[in-house]
Amino acid sequence: MDKIETHGLQKLEWTESNFDQMGWHDSKIYAVAFGIKEYELCFDIDYILEWINPQETEDHFKFMVVPATLVFRNVHDLKINFSLVEVTIEDIYRDNPVQPKNYVHIKEENEYDWIIETNNGEVSFKSVGFNQYARQKPRLLDNQSIDFVERGGISFNI
């Protein structure tokens, strides 16, 4: 996708180096997958790129939303504790950077404790980081998620 097709989206892929500039609040989780590649934890989400303030004549926010695949690498100590109903992310936290035990093999400097806090519980694990991939053009919406059929159903494409 070029910049015109992406409605000004500057990046199609983000990593843990972008963590401090990103926010996942109210991003809907459609599905979770394990081990697409070794030791990966994958989420199919609608990522909210931007919350757009209401205009003078409007009462509500608009949202620039893109279907995305969020992939955490070298995951272990995974704990999932949420209800299997509509799940949205409240926030994602990382803490406690340490050198991974398999540092020599994976060539990654830091491993973090990660917590994905949702509206229905949380997911916690250890991981060296993530890659998040935009899969389509962003859409300007009146709500925070894309229609299931319009987004192409569930996908873990990258």
N, C-alpha and C. Protein backbone atom coordinates (compact mmCIF):
# COMPACT_ATOMS: atom_id res chain seq x y z
N MET A 1 0.85 -1.19 0.00
CA MET A 1 0.00 0.00 0.00
C MET A 1 0.89 1.24 0.00
N ASP A 2 0.62 2.19 -0.87
CA ASP A 2 1.37 3.44 -0.81
C ASP A 2 0.65 4.42 0.10
N LYS A 3 1.27 5.59 0.33
CA LYS A 3 0.73 6.57 1.28
C LYS A 3 -0.67 7.04 0.88
N ILE A 4 -0.94 7.19 -0.40
CA ILE A 4 -2.27 7.61 -0.85
C ILE A 4 -3.31 6.56 -0.47
N GLU A 5 -3.01 5.29 -0.71
CA GLU A 5 -3.95 4.22 -0.37
C GLU A 5 -4.19 4.11 1.13
N THR A 6 -3.23 4.52 1.94
CA THR A 6 -3.34 4.35 3.39
C THR A 6 -3.89 5.59 4.09
N HIS A 7 -4.40 6.55 3.33
CA HIS A 7 -4.99 7.76 3.90
C HIS A 7 -4.03 8.48 4.84
N GLY A 8 -2.76 8.56 4.45
CA GLY A 8 -1.79 9.28 5.26
C GLY A 8 -1.11 8.44 6.32
N LEU A 9 -1.43 7.18 6.45
CA LEU A 9 -0.79 6.31 7.43
C LEU A 9 0.71 6.25 7.12
N GLN A 10 1.52 6.64 8.07
CA GLN A 10 2.96 6.72 7.86
C GLN A 10 3.65 5.35 7.94
N LYS A 11 3.09 4.44 8.70
CA LYS A 11 3.71 3.13 8.90
C LYS A 11 2.70 2.03 8.65
N LEU A 12 3.16 0.91 8.15
CA LEU A 12 2.32 -0.28 8.02
C LEU A 12 2.72 -1.33 9.05
N GLU A 13 3.87 -1.13 9.70
CA GLU A 13 4.35 -2.06 10.72
C GLU A 13 4.94 -1.27 11.88
N TRP A 14 4.60 -1.70 13.08
CA TRP A 14 5.15 -1.10 14.29
C TRP A 14 5.85 -2.19 15.09
N THR A 15 6.80 -1.79 15.95
CA THR A 15 7.49 -2.73 16.82
C THR A 15 7.55 -2.15 18.24
N GLU A 16 8.19 -2.92 19.13
CA GLU A 16 8.33 -2.45 20.51
C GLU A 16 9.07 -1.12 20.60
N SER A 17 9.86 -0.75 19.59
CA SER A 17 10.52 0.55 19.60
C SER A 17 9.51 1.70 19.48
N ASN A 18 8.30 1.42 19.01
CA ASN A 18 7.23 2.42 18.91
C ASN A 18 6.29 2.40 20.11
N PHE A 19 6.54 1.54 21.09
CA PHE A 19 5.61 1.29 22.19
C PHE A 19 5.14 2.59 22.87
N ASP A 20 6.05 3.49 23.18
CA ASP A 20 5.69 4.70 23.91
C ASP A 20 4.81 5.65 23.10
N GLN A 21 4.76 5.51 21.79
CA GLN A 21 3.92 6.36 20.95
C GLN A 21 2.57 5.70 20.62
N MET A 22 2.40 4.46 21.03
CA MET A 22 1.19 3.71 20.67
C MET A 22 0.24 3.63 21.85
N GLY A 23 -1.01 3.37 21.53
CA GLY A 23 -2.03 3.12 22.54
C GLY A 23 -3.08 2.19 21.96
N TRP A 24 -3.52 1.25 22.76
CA TRP A 24 -4.47 0.25 22.28
C TRP A 24 -5.84 0.38 22.93
N HIS A 25 -6.08 1.46 23.68
CA HIS A 25 -7.34 1.61 24.41
C HIS A 25 -8.54 1.46 23.46
N ASP A 26 -9.46 0.59 23.84
CA ASP A 26 -10.69 0.30 23.12
C ASP A 26 -10.49 -0.44 21.79
N SER A 27 -9.29 -0.96 21.55
CA SER A 27 -9.07 -1.79 20.36
C SER A 27 -9.73 -3.15 20.60
N LYS A 28 -10.57 -3.55 19.67
CA LYS A 28 -11.31 -4.81 19.80
C LYS A 28 -10.44 -5.99 19.42
N ILE A 29 -10.48 -7.06 20.24
CA ILE A 29 -9.79 -8.31 19.94
C ILE A 29 -10.81 -9.26 19.31
N TYR A 30 -10.52 -9.73 18.10
CA TYR A 30 -11.40 -10.68 17.41
C TYR A 30 -10.99 -12.12 17.66
N ALA A 31 -9.67 -12.36 17.76
CA ALA A 31 -9.19 -13.73 17.92
C ALA A 31 -7.77 -13.73 18.45
N VAL A 32 -7.40 -14.86 19.06
CA VAL A 32 -6.05 -15.08 19.58
C VAL A 32 -5.54 -16.38 18.98
N ALA A 33 -4.27 -16.39 18.59
CA ALA A 33 -3.66 -17.60 18.03
C ALA A 33 -2.30 -17.82 18.69
N PHE A 34 -1.91 -19.08 18.74
CA PHE A 34 -0.64 -19.44 19.36
C PHE A 34 0.23 -20.14 18.34
N GLY A 35 1.52 -19.81 18.33
CA GLY A 35 2.49 -20.58 17.59
C GLY A 35 2.36 -20.56 16.09
N ILE A 36 1.93 -19.44 15.49
CA ILE A 36 1.96 -19.37 14.03
C ILE A 36 3.40 -19.58 13.59
N LYS A 37 4.34 -18.97 14.28
CA LYS A 37 5.75 -19.33 14.24
C LYS A 37 6.08 -19.72 15.67
N GLU A 38 7.25 -20.26 15.90
CA GLU A 38 7.59 -20.73 17.25
C GLU A 38 7.50 -19.62 18.28
N TYR A 39 6.82 -19.93 19.38
CA TYR A 39 6.76 -19.07 20.56
C TYR A 39 6.13 -17.70 20.29
N GLU A 40 5.16 -17.64 19.41
CA GLU A 40 4.45 -16.39 19.13
C GLU A 40 3.05 -16.42 19.74
N LEU A 41 2.60 -15.25 20.14
CA LEU A 41 1.23 -15.03 20.59
C LEU A 41 0.66 -13.94 19.70
N CYS A 42 -0.42 -14.24 18.98
CA CYS A 42 -0.96 -13.35 17.95
C CYS A 42 -2.38 -12.90 18.31
N PHE A 43 -2.67 -11.65 18.01
CA PHE A 43 -3.99 -11.09 18.22
C PHE A 43 -4.48 -10.48 16.92
N ASP A 44 -5.71 -10.75 16.55
CA ASP A 44 -6.38 -10.08 15.44
C ASP A 44 -7.19 -8.96 16.07
N ILE A 45 -6.84 -7.71 15.78
CA ILE A 45 -7.48 -6.56 16.43
C ILE A 45 -7.90 -5.50 15.42
N ASP A 46 -8.77 -4.63 15.85
CA ASP A 46 -9.01 -3.36 15.16
C ASP A 46 -8.23 -2.31 15.95
N TYR A 47 -7.17 -1.79 15.35
CA TYR A 47 -6.31 -0.81 16.01
C TYR A 47 -6.82 0.59 15.72
N ILE A 48 -7.04 1.37 16.77
CA ILE A 48 -7.52 2.74 16.61
C ILE A 48 -6.30 3.65 16.45
N LEU A 49 -6.10 4.13 15.23
CA LEU A 49 -4.97 5.00 14.94
C LEU A 49 -5.16 6.39 15.53
N GLU A 50 -6.41 6.86 15.54
CA GLU A 50 -6.66 8.23 15.97
C GLU A 50 -8.09 8.38 16.47
N TRP A 51 -8.23 9.09 17.57
CA TRP A 51 -9.53 9.53 18.08
C TRP A 51 -9.71 10.96 17.58
N ILE A 52 -10.74 11.21 16.82
CA ILE A 52 -10.94 12.53 16.21
C ILE A 52 -12.02 13.27 16.98
N ASN A 53 -11.65 14.42 17.53
CA ASN A 53 -12.59 15.21 18.33
C ASN A 53 -13.82 15.60 17.52
N PRO A 54 -14.97 15.69 18.19
CA PRO A 54 -16.20 16.10 17.49
C PRO A 54 -16.07 17.53 16.96
N GLN A 55 -16.68 17.75 15.82
CA GLN A 55 -16.77 19.10 15.27
C GLN A 55 -17.83 19.85 16.08
N GLU A 56 -17.92 21.15 15.87
CA GLU A 56 -18.87 21.97 16.65
C GLU A 56 -20.30 21.46 16.55
N THR A 57 -20.69 20.91 15.42
CA THR A 57 -22.07 20.45 15.22
C THR A 57 -22.27 18.99 15.58
N GLU A 58 -21.23 18.31 16.08
CA GLU A 58 -21.30 16.88 16.38
C GLU A 58 -21.25 16.64 17.88
N ASP A 59 -21.80 15.48 18.28
CA ASP A 59 -21.83 15.13 19.70
C ASP A 59 -20.84 14.03 20.07
N HIS A 60 -20.22 13.37 19.08
CA HIS A 60 -19.39 12.22 19.41
C HIS A 60 -18.08 12.21 18.60
N PHE A 61 -17.12 11.45 19.13
CA PHE A 61 -15.85 11.27 18.45
C PHE A 61 -16.03 10.44 17.18
N LYS A 62 -15.08 10.58 16.27
CA LYS A 62 -14.92 9.66 15.15
C LYS A 62 -13.57 8.97 15.35
N PHE A 63 -13.37 7.86 14.64
CA PHE A 63 -12.19 7.06 14.86
C PHE A 63 -11.58 6.62 13.53
N MET A 64 -10.26 6.72 13.43
CA MET A 64 -9.54 6.18 12.29
C MET A 64 -9.05 4.79 12.73
N VAL A 65 -9.59 3.74 12.08
CA VAL A 65 -9.39 2.36 12.53
C VAL A 65 -8.83 1.52 11.39
N VAL A 66 -7.94 0.59 11.74
CA VAL A 66 -7.36 -0.32 10.76
C VAL A 66 -7.32 -1.74 11.34
N PRO A 67 -7.70 -2.75 10.55
CA PRO A 67 -7.50 -4.13 11.02
C PRO A 67 -5.99 -4.39 11.12
N ALA A 68 -5.58 -5.04 12.20
CA ALA A 68 -4.15 -5.26 12.42
C ALA A 68 -3.91 -6.63 13.05
N THR A 69 -2.71 -7.14 12.80
CA THR A 69 -2.24 -8.36 13.45
C THR A 69 -1.12 -7.96 14.40
N LEU A 70 -1.33 -8.24 15.69
CA LEU A 70 -0.35 -7.93 16.74
C LEU A 70 0.31 -9.24 17.15
N VAL A 71 1.63 -9.33 16.95
CA VAL A 71 2.38 -10.57 17.17
C VAL A 71 3.48 -10.34 18.20
N PHE A 72 3.38 -11.02 19.35
CA PHE A 72 4.44 -10.98 20.35
C PHE A 72 5.39 -12.14 20.09
N ARG A 73 6.70 -11.86 20.23
CA ARG A 73 7.75 -12.84 19.91
C ARG A 73 8.36 -13.44 21.18
N ASN A 74 8.81 -14.70 21.05
CA ASN A 74 9.52 -15.40 22.12
C ASN A 74 8.72 -15.35 23.43
N VAL A 75 7.48 -15.78 23.36
CA VAL A 75 6.54 -15.71 24.49
C VAL A 75 6.68 -16.94 25.38
N HIS A 76 6.62 -16.70 26.69
CA HIS A 76 6.55 -17.80 27.67
C HIS A 76 5.88 -17.28 28.93
N ASP A 77 5.58 -18.18 29.84
CA ASP A 77 4.84 -17.87 31.08
C ASP A 77 3.50 -17.19 30.78
N LEU A 78 2.80 -17.68 29.80
CA LEU A 78 1.52 -17.11 29.37
C LEU A 78 0.41 -17.48 30.34
N LYS A 79 -0.36 -16.46 30.73
CA LYS A 79 -1.55 -16.65 31.56
C LYS A 79 -2.67 -15.83 30.95
N ILE A 80 -3.80 -16.49 30.66
CA ILE A 80 -4.95 -15.80 30.08
C ILE A 80 -6.11 -15.92 31.06
N ASN A 81 -6.68 -14.77 31.41
CA ASN A 81 -7.79 -14.75 32.35
C ASN A 81 -8.80 -13.69 31.91
N PHE A 82 -9.62 -14.04 30.92
CA PHE A 82 -10.72 -13.16 30.55
C PHE A 82 -11.87 -13.97 30.02
N SER A 83 -13.06 -13.36 30.09
CA SER A 83 -14.27 -14.01 29.60
C SER A 83 -14.29 -14.00 28.08
N LEU A 84 -14.82 -15.04 27.49
CA LEU A 84 -14.90 -15.11 26.04
C LEU A 84 -16.19 -14.48 25.54
N VAL A 85 -16.29 -13.21 25.79
CA VAL A 85 -17.35 -12.38 25.23
C VAL A 85 -16.64 -11.27 24.47
N GLU A 86 -17.33 -10.26 24.06
CA GLU A 86 -16.65 -9.19 23.34
C GLU A 86 -15.53 -8.62 24.21
N VAL A 87 -14.30 -8.68 23.68
CA VAL A 87 -13.12 -8.27 24.45
C VAL A 87 -12.47 -7.07 23.77
N THR A 88 -12.26 -6.02 24.54
CA THR A 88 -11.52 -4.85 24.07
C THR A 88 -10.35 -4.59 25.00
N ILE A 89 -9.30 -4.06 24.44
CA ILE A 89 -8.10 -3.76 25.22
C ILE A 89 -8.30 -2.45 25.95
N GLU A 90 -8.00 -2.46 27.24
CA GLU A 90 -7.99 -1.22 28.03
C GLU A 90 -6.61 -0.58 27.92
N ASP A 91 -5.55 -1.39 28.08
CA ASP A 91 -4.19 -0.87 27.98
C ASP A 91 -3.22 -2.05 27.88
N ILE A 92 -2.01 -1.76 27.40
CA ILE A 92 -0.94 -2.73 27.37
C ILE A 92 0.23 -2.13 28.14
N TYR A 93 0.77 -2.92 29.08
CA TYR A 93 1.88 -2.49 29.91
C TYR A 93 3.07 -3.41 29.71
N ARG A 94 4.26 -2.84 29.87
CA ARG A 94 5.47 -3.66 29.90
C ARG A 94 6.34 -3.16 31.05
N ASP A 95 7.06 -4.10 31.65
CA ASP A 95 7.86 -3.75 32.82
C ASP A 95 8.98 -4.78 32.98
N ASN A 96 9.92 -4.49 33.85
CA ASN A 96 10.93 -5.44 34.27
C ASN A 96 11.81 -5.94 33.12
N PRO A 97 12.52 -5.05 32.41
CA PRO A 97 13.40 -5.52 31.33
C PRO A 97 14.57 -6.33 31.89
N VAL A 98 14.77 -7.51 31.34
CA VAL A 98 15.90 -8.36 31.71
C VAL A 98 16.44 -9.01 30.42
N GLN A 99 17.65 -9.49 30.49
CA GLN A 99 18.20 -10.20 29.34
C GLN A 99 17.53 -11.57 29.26
N PRO A 100 17.02 -11.97 28.09
CA PRO A 100 16.38 -13.28 27.97
C PRO A 100 17.36 -14.41 28.26
N LYS A 101 16.83 -15.50 28.81
CA LYS A 101 17.66 -16.67 29.10
C LYS A 101 18.25 -17.25 27.83
N ASN A 102 17.52 -17.14 26.71
CA ASN A 102 18.01 -17.68 25.43
C ASN A 102 18.61 -16.58 24.55
N TYR A 103 19.21 -15.58 25.17
CA TYR A 103 19.79 -14.42 24.49
C TYR A 103 20.72 -14.82 23.35
N VAL A 104 21.59 -15.77 23.58
CA VAL A 104 22.57 -16.16 22.57
C VAL A 104 21.87 -16.69 21.32
N HIS A 105 20.79 -17.41 21.50
CA HIS A 105 20.07 -18.01 20.38
C HIS A 105 19.20 -17.00 19.63
N ILE A 106 18.48 -16.14 20.35
CA ILE A 106 17.50 -15.25 19.69
C ILE A 106 18.06 -13.87 19.36
N LYS A 107 19.20 -13.51 19.93
CA LYS A 107 19.85 -12.23 19.63
C LYS A 107 18.96 -11.03 19.96
N GLU A 108 18.20 -11.11 21.03
CA GLU A 108 17.36 -9.99 21.51
C GLU A 108 17.93 -9.53 22.84
N GLU A 109 18.03 -8.22 23.04
CA GLU A 109 18.65 -7.64 24.23
C GLU A 109 17.79 -7.73 25.48
N ASN A 110 16.48 -7.45 25.35
CA ASN A 110 15.60 -7.36 26.51
C ASN A 110 14.37 -8.23 26.37
N GLU A 111 13.92 -8.70 27.51
CA GLU A 111 12.65 -9.41 27.63
C GLU A 111 11.86 -8.66 28.70
N TYR A 112 10.56 -8.53 28.50
CA TYR A 112 9.71 -7.78 29.42
C TYR A 112 8.60 -8.66 29.97
N ASP A 113 8.07 -8.24 31.12
CA ASP A 113 6.80 -8.75 31.61
C ASP A 113 5.74 -7.89 30.93
N TRP A 114 4.80 -8.50 30.23
CA TRP A 114 3.73 -7.80 29.52
C TRP A 114 2.40 -8.11 30.18
N ILE A 115 1.53 -7.10 30.26
CA ILE A 115 0.15 -7.29 30.69
C ILE A 115 -0.75 -6.60 29.68
N ILE A 116 -1.69 -7.35 29.13
CA ILE A 116 -2.74 -6.77 28.29
C ILE A 116 -3.99 -6.76 29.14
N GLU A 117 -4.37 -5.58 29.57
CA GLU A 117 -5.57 -5.41 30.40
C GLU A 117 -6.76 -5.21 29.48
N THR A 118 -7.82 -6.00 29.67
CA THR A 118 -9.01 -5.89 28.84
C THR A 118 -10.21 -5.52 29.69
N ASN A 119 -11.33 -5.30 29.02
CA ASN A 119 -12.58 -5.00 29.72
C ASN A 119 -13.11 -6.21 30.48
N ASN A 120 -12.56 -7.42 30.22
CA ASN A 120 -13.05 -8.65 30.84
C ASN A 120 -11.96 -9.49 31.50
N GLY A 121 -10.84 -8.89 31.86
CA GLY A 121 -9.75 -9.64 32.48
C GLY A 121 -8.42 -9.25 31.86
N GLU A 122 -7.43 -10.15 31.96
CA GLU A 122 -6.12 -9.79 31.43
C GLU A 122 -5.36 -11.00 30.89
N VAL A 123 -4.34 -10.66 30.10
CA VAL A 123 -3.39 -11.63 29.57
C VAL A 123 -2.02 -11.17 30.06
N SER A 124 -1.24 -12.09 30.63
CA SER A 124 0.11 -11.72 31.06
C SER A 124 1.10 -12.77 30.51
N PHE A 125 2.32 -12.32 30.25
CA PHE A 125 3.34 -13.19 29.67
C PHE A 125 4.67 -12.47 29.67
N LYS A 126 5.70 -13.19 29.32
CA LYS A 126 7.03 -12.63 29.09
C LYS A 126 7.29 -12.70 27.59
N SER A 127 7.90 -11.63 27.06
CA SER A 127 8.18 -11.57 25.63
C SER A 127 9.27 -10.53 25.37
N VAL A 128 10.01 -10.74 24.29
CA VAL A 128 11.05 -9.78 23.90
C VAL A 128 10.45 -8.57 23.17
N GLY A 129 9.26 -8.69 22.64
CA GLY A 129 8.66 -7.56 21.94
C GLY A 129 7.60 -8.00 20.96
N PHE A 130 7.20 -7.06 20.10
CA PHE A 130 6.09 -7.33 19.19
C PHE A 130 6.33 -6.70 17.83
N ASN A 131 5.56 -7.19 16.88
CA ASN A 131 5.38 -6.55 15.58
C ASN A 131 3.88 -6.43 15.39
N GLN A 132 3.45 -5.27 14.94
CA GLN A 132 2.03 -5.07 14.63
C GLN A 132 1.94 -4.62 13.18
N TYR A 133 1.07 -5.30 12.43
CA TYR A 133 0.95 -5.08 10.99
C TYR A 133 -0.44 -4.58 10.64
N ALA A 134 -0.52 -3.43 9.95
CA ALA A 134 -1.79 -2.96 9.39
C ALA A 134 -2.09 -3.82 8.17
N ARG A 135 -3.33 -4.32 8.06
CA ARG A 135 -3.66 -5.24 6.96
C ARG A 135 -4.49 -4.60 5.85
N GLN A 136 -5.10 -3.46 6.12
CA GLN A 136 -5.93 -2.78 5.11
C GLN A 136 -5.73 -1.28 5.25
N LYS A 137 -6.44 -0.56 4.40
CA LYS A 137 -6.46 0.89 4.51
C LYS A 137 -7.23 1.29 5.77
N PRO A 138 -6.79 2.33 6.47
CA PRO A 138 -7.55 2.83 7.62
C PRO A 138 -8.91 3.34 7.17
N ARG A 139 -9.87 3.28 8.10
CA ARG A 139 -11.23 3.74 7.81
C ARG A 139 -11.66 4.74 8.86
N LEU A 140 -12.32 5.79 8.42
CA LEU A 140 -12.90 6.77 9.33
C LEU A 140 -14.29 6.28 9.70
N LEU A 141 -14.50 6.04 11.01
CA LEU A 141 -15.74 5.44 11.49
C LEU A 141 -16.37 6.25 12.61
N ASP A 142 -17.67 6.05 12.79
CA ASP A 142 -18.38 6.64 13.93
C ASP A 142 -18.23 5.79 15.18
N ASN A 143 -17.73 4.55 15.03
CA ASN A 143 -17.52 3.70 16.19
C ASN A 143 -16.09 3.16 16.15
N GLN A 144 -15.71 2.36 17.15
CA GLN A 144 -14.32 1.98 17.34
C GLN A 144 -13.92 0.66 16.71
N SER A 145 -14.83 0.03 16.01
CA SER A 145 -14.47 -1.23 15.34
C SER A 145 -15.12 -1.31 13.97
N ILE A 146 -14.49 -2.11 13.13
CA ILE A 146 -14.93 -2.27 11.75
C ILE A 146 -15.93 -3.42 11.69
N ASP A 147 -16.92 -3.30 10.83
CA ASP A 147 -17.88 -4.37 10.61
C ASP A 147 -17.11 -5.66 10.28
N PHE A 148 -17.53 -6.77 10.90
CA PHE A 148 -16.83 -8.05 10.79
C PHE A 148 -16.64 -8.48 9.33
N VAL A 149 -17.68 -8.38 8.52
CA VAL A 149 -17.58 -8.78 7.11
C VAL A 149 -16.67 -7.83 6.35
N GLU A 150 -16.80 -6.52 6.59
CA GLU A 150 -15.98 -5.53 5.88
C GLU A 150 -14.49 -5.68 6.17
N ARG A 151 -14.16 -6.13 7.37
CA ARG A 151 -12.74 -6.29 7.73
C ARG A 151 -12.18 -7.62 7.21
N GLY A 152 -13.07 -8.44 6.62
CA GLY A 152 -12.64 -9.73 6.07
C GLY A 152 -12.65 -10.85 7.09
N GLY A 153 -13.47 -10.72 8.13
CA GLY A 153 -13.54 -11.76 9.16
C GLY A 153 -12.29 -11.77 10.00
N ILE A 154 -11.97 -12.95 10.51
CA ILE A 154 -10.78 -13.11 11.34
C ILE A 154 -9.59 -13.39 10.44
N SER A 155 -8.46 -12.74 10.76
CA SER A 155 -7.25 -12.94 9.96
C SER A 155 -6.02 -12.72 10.83
N PHE A 156 -4.98 -13.49 10.53
CA PHE A 156 -3.68 -13.29 11.14
C PHE A 156 -2.62 -13.01 10.07
N ASN A 157 -3.07 -12.54 8.91
CA ASN A 157 -2.13 -12.19 7.84
C ASN A 157 -1.23 -11.05 8.30
N ILE A 158 -0.03 -11.04 7.74
CA ILE A 158 0.89 -9.95 8.06
C ILE A 158 1.43 -9.31 6.81
